[in-house]
C-alpha atoms as a PDB file:
ATOM      1  CA  MET A   1      53.119  22.694 -17.103  1.00  0.00           C
ATOM      2  CA  LYS A   2      55.537  25.326 -16.449  1.00  0.00           C
ATOM      3  CA  ALA A   3      53.416  27.192 -14.711  1.00  0.00           C
ATOM      4  CA  VAL A   4      53.323  24.510 -11.869  1.00  0.00           C
ATOM      5  CA  THR A   5      56.937  23.660 -12.108  1.00  0.00           C
ATOM      6  CA  ALA A   6      59.159  25.678 -10.303  1.00  0.00           C
ATOM      7  CA  ARG A   7      62.368  27.806 -11.227  1.00  0.00           C
ATOM      8  CA  SER A   8      60.512  27.444 -15.413  1.00  0.00           C
ATOM      9  CA  SER A   9      62.160  29.358 -17.639  1.00  0.00           C
ATOM     10  CA  TRP A  10      59.865  31.819 -19.260  1.00  0.00           C
ATOM     11  CA  PRO A  11      61.977  33.087 -22.838  1.00  0.00           C
ATOM     12  CA  ASP A  12      58.769  34.858 -23.676  1.00  0.00           C
ATOM     13  CA  LYS A  13      57.813  36.837 -21.394  1.00  0.00           C
ATOM     14  CA  GLU A  14      54.037  37.698 -22.028  1.00  0.00           C
ATOM     15  CA  GLU A  15      53.403  34.065 -21.722  1.00  0.00           C
ATOM     16  CA  PHE A  16      54.342  34.248 -17.652  1.00  0.00           C
ATOM     17  CA  LEU A  17      52.228  37.048 -17.808  1.00  0.00           C
ATOM     18  CA  ASP A  18      49.366  35.427 -19.013  1.00  0.00           C
ATOM     19  CA  VAL A  19      50.164  32.515 -16.448  1.00  0.00           C
ATOM     20  CA  ILE A  20      49.679  35.620 -13.938  1.00  0.00           C
ATOM     21  CA  TYR A  21      46.255  36.702 -14.768  1.00  0.00           C
ATOM     22  CA  TRP A  22      44.883  33.292 -14.924  1.00  0.00           C
ATOM     23  CA  ILE A  23      46.436  32.712 -11.594  1.00  0.00           C
ATOM     24  CA  ARG A  24      44.627  35.877 -10.165  1.00  0.00           C
ATOM     25  CA  GLN A  25      41.498  34.604 -11.849  1.00  0.00           C
ATOM     26  CA  PHE A  26      41.474  31.468  -9.958  1.00  0.00           C
ATOM     27  CA  ILE A  27      42.338  33.077  -6.932  1.00  0.00           C
ATOM     28  CA  GLY A  28      39.467  35.892  -7.371  1.00  0.00           C
ATOM     29  CA  LEU A  29      36.972  32.717  -7.980  1.00  0.00           C
ATOM     30  CA  VAL A  30      37.981  30.637  -5.310  1.00  0.00           C
ATOM     31  CA  LEU A  31      38.187  33.338  -2.615  1.00  0.00           C
ATOM     32  CA  GLY A  32      34.858  34.745  -4.105  1.00  0.00           C
ATOM     33  CA  LEU A  33      33.502  31.740  -3.487  1.00  0.00           C
ATOM     34  CA  ILE A  34      34.744  31.617   0.131  1.00  0.00           C
ATOM     35  CA  TRP A  35      34.086  34.938   1.578  1.00  0.00           C
ATOM     36  CA  GLY A  36      30.393  34.388  -0.028  1.00  0.00           C
ATOM     37  CA  MET A  37      29.710  30.696   1.820  1.00  0.00           C
ATOM     38  CA  SER A  38      31.139  32.382   4.681  1.00  0.00           C
ATOM     39  CA  ALA A  39      29.432  35.602   5.558  1.00  0.00           C
ATOM     40  CA  ILE A  40      32.397  37.704   5.188  1.00  0.00           C
ATOM     41  CA  GLN A  41      31.131  41.478   4.960  1.00  0.00           C
ATOM     42  CA  GLY A  42      32.403  44.822   3.988  1.00  0.00           C
ATOM     43  CA  ALA A  43      36.172  46.300   3.822  1.00  0.00           C
ATOM     44  CA  VAL A  44      37.106  43.245   6.247  1.00  0.00           C
ATOM     45  CA  GLY A  45      36.540  41.172   3.198  1.00  0.00           C
ATOM     46  CA  LEU A  46      37.979  43.658   0.439  1.00  0.00           C
ATOM     47  CA  VAL A  47      41.094  43.873   2.055  1.00  0.00           C
ATOM     48  CA  LEU A  48      41.909  40.535   2.845  1.00  0.00           C
ATOM     49  CA  PHE A  49      41.355  39.591  -0.571  1.00  0.00           C
ATOM     50  CA  ALA A  50      43.334  42.471  -1.874  1.00  0.00           C
ATOM     51  CA  ALA A  51      46.313  40.877   0.783  1.00  0.00           C
ATOM     52  CA  LEU A  52      45.843  37.516  -0.006  1.00  0.00           C
ATOM     53  CA  ASN A  53      45.755  38.231  -3.741  1.00  0.00           C
ATOM     54  CA  ALA A  54      48.800  40.108  -3.780  1.00  0.00           C
ATOM     55  CA  GLY A  55      50.798  37.720  -1.132  1.00  0.00           C
ATOM     56  CA  ILE A  56      49.948  34.880  -3.062  1.00  0.00           C
ATOM     57  CA  LEU A  57      51.456  35.813  -6.113  1.00  0.00           C
ATOM     58  CA  TYR A  58      53.966  37.458  -4.301  1.00  0.00           C
ATOM     59  CA  VAL A  59      54.973  34.232  -3.475  1.00  0.00           C
ATOM     60  CA  TYR A  60      54.698  32.433  -6.688  1.00  0.00           C
ATOM     61  CA  PHE A  61      56.811  34.935  -8.898  1.00  0.00           C
ATOM     62  CA  ALA A  62      59.542  35.828  -6.247  1.00  0.00           C
ATOM     63  CA  VAL A  63      60.035  32.382  -4.819  1.00  0.00           C
ATOM     64  CA  PHE A  64      58.420  29.449  -6.707  1.00  0.00           C
ATOM     65  CA  GLN A  65      59.226  30.902  -9.832  1.00  0.00           C
ATOM     66  CA  ALA A  66      62.206  33.178  -8.599  1.00  0.00           C
ATOM     67  CA  VAL A  67      61.882  35.648 -11.665  1.00  0.00           C
ATOM     68  CA  ASP A  68      63.611  38.433 -12.303  1.00  0.00           C
ATOM     69  CA  GLU A  69      61.244  41.418 -11.040  1.00  0.00           C
ATOM     70  CA  GLU A  70      63.656  43.684 -13.142  1.00  0.00           C
ATOM     71  CA  GLU A  71      62.393  41.930 -16.555  1.00  0.00           C
ATOM     72  CA  TYR A  72      58.805  42.038 -16.496  1.00  0.00           C
ATOM     73  CA  GLY A  73      58.649  46.200 -15.352  1.00  0.00           C
ATOM     74  CA  GLY A  74      58.981  45.598 -11.866  1.00  0.00           C
ATOM     75  CA  LEU A  75      57.331  44.395  -8.432  1.00  0.00           C
ATOM     76  CA  TRP A  76      54.895  47.006  -9.036  1.00  0.00           C
ATOM     77  CA  GLU A  77      54.155  45.799 -12.369  1.00  0.00           C
ATOM     78  CA  LEU A  78      54.123  41.941 -11.629  1.00  0.00           C
ATOM     79  CA  THR A  79      51.541  42.738  -8.500  1.00  0.00           C
ATOM     80  CA  LYS A  80      49.123  44.815 -10.529  1.00  0.00           C
ATOM     81  CA  GLU A  81      48.913  42.322 -13.566  1.00  0.00           C
ATOM     82  CA  GLY A  82      45.428  41.099 -14.064  1.00  0.00           C
ATOM     83  CA  PHE A  83      44.542  42.623 -10.775  1.00  0.00           C
ATOM     84  CA  MET A  84      41.648  44.836 -11.575  1.00  0.00           C
ATOM     85  CA  THR A  85      39.777  41.594 -13.697  1.00  0.00           C
ATOM     86  CA  SER A  86      40.235  39.538 -10.530  1.00  0.00           C
ATOM     87  CA  MET A  87      38.605  42.067  -8.583  1.00  0.00           C
ATOM     88  CA  ALA A  88      35.940  41.750 -10.591  1.00  0.00           C
ATOM     89  CA  THR A  89      35.609  38.035 -10.571  1.00  0.00           C
ATOM     90  CA  PHE A  90      35.704  38.105  -7.243  1.00  0.00           C
ATOM     91  CA  LEU A  91      33.078  40.922  -6.203  1.00  0.00           C
ATOM     92  CA  ILE A  92      30.649  39.110  -8.648  1.00  0.00           C
ATOM     93  CA  VAL A  93      31.452  35.808  -6.923  1.00  0.00           C
ATOM     94  CA  TRP A  94      30.941  37.436  -3.657  1.00  0.00           C
ATOM     95  CA  ILE A  95      27.911  39.137  -4.293  1.00  0.00           C
ATOM     96  CA  ILE A  96      25.887  36.518  -5.519  1.00  0.00           C
ATOM     97  CA  LEU A  97      27.050  33.815  -3.383  1.00  0.00           C
ATOM     98  CA  TYR A  98      26.408  36.025  -0.527  1.00  0.00           C
ATOM     99  CA  THR A  99      23.005  37.137  -1.696  1.00  0.00           C
ATOM    100  CA  GLY A 100      21.415  33.720  -2.657  1.00  0.00           C
ATOM    101  CA  LEU A 101      22.573  32.394   0.457  1.00  0.00           C
ATOM    102  CA  HIS A 102      22.396  34.630   3.117  1.00  0.00           C
ATOM    103  CA  PHE A 103      18.924  36.578   2.314  1.00  0.00           C
ATOM    104  CA  ASP A 104      15.570  35.536   2.272  1.00  0.00           C
END
């Protein structure tokens, strides 16, 4: 419940990083479904995904949770936590759904 409660206390830093990781996986899945159904293609889709993924997570940890980024290694460490696996989830869902819906 701490993950959905604003300004929660995170004494275990790994627990917060796990929350960031799983939120990113969820974002990758949802955006992959949206991109695949809306027939978004190419670099526009990749850039939009990266911007939304980073932006949503930044708002989550900087505004909603209001954590001190320096406790977790800085802004860059929190921004990249789980990003590549989230992108892999996004790409797999996007490609499979787009191919299944928009090709005969």
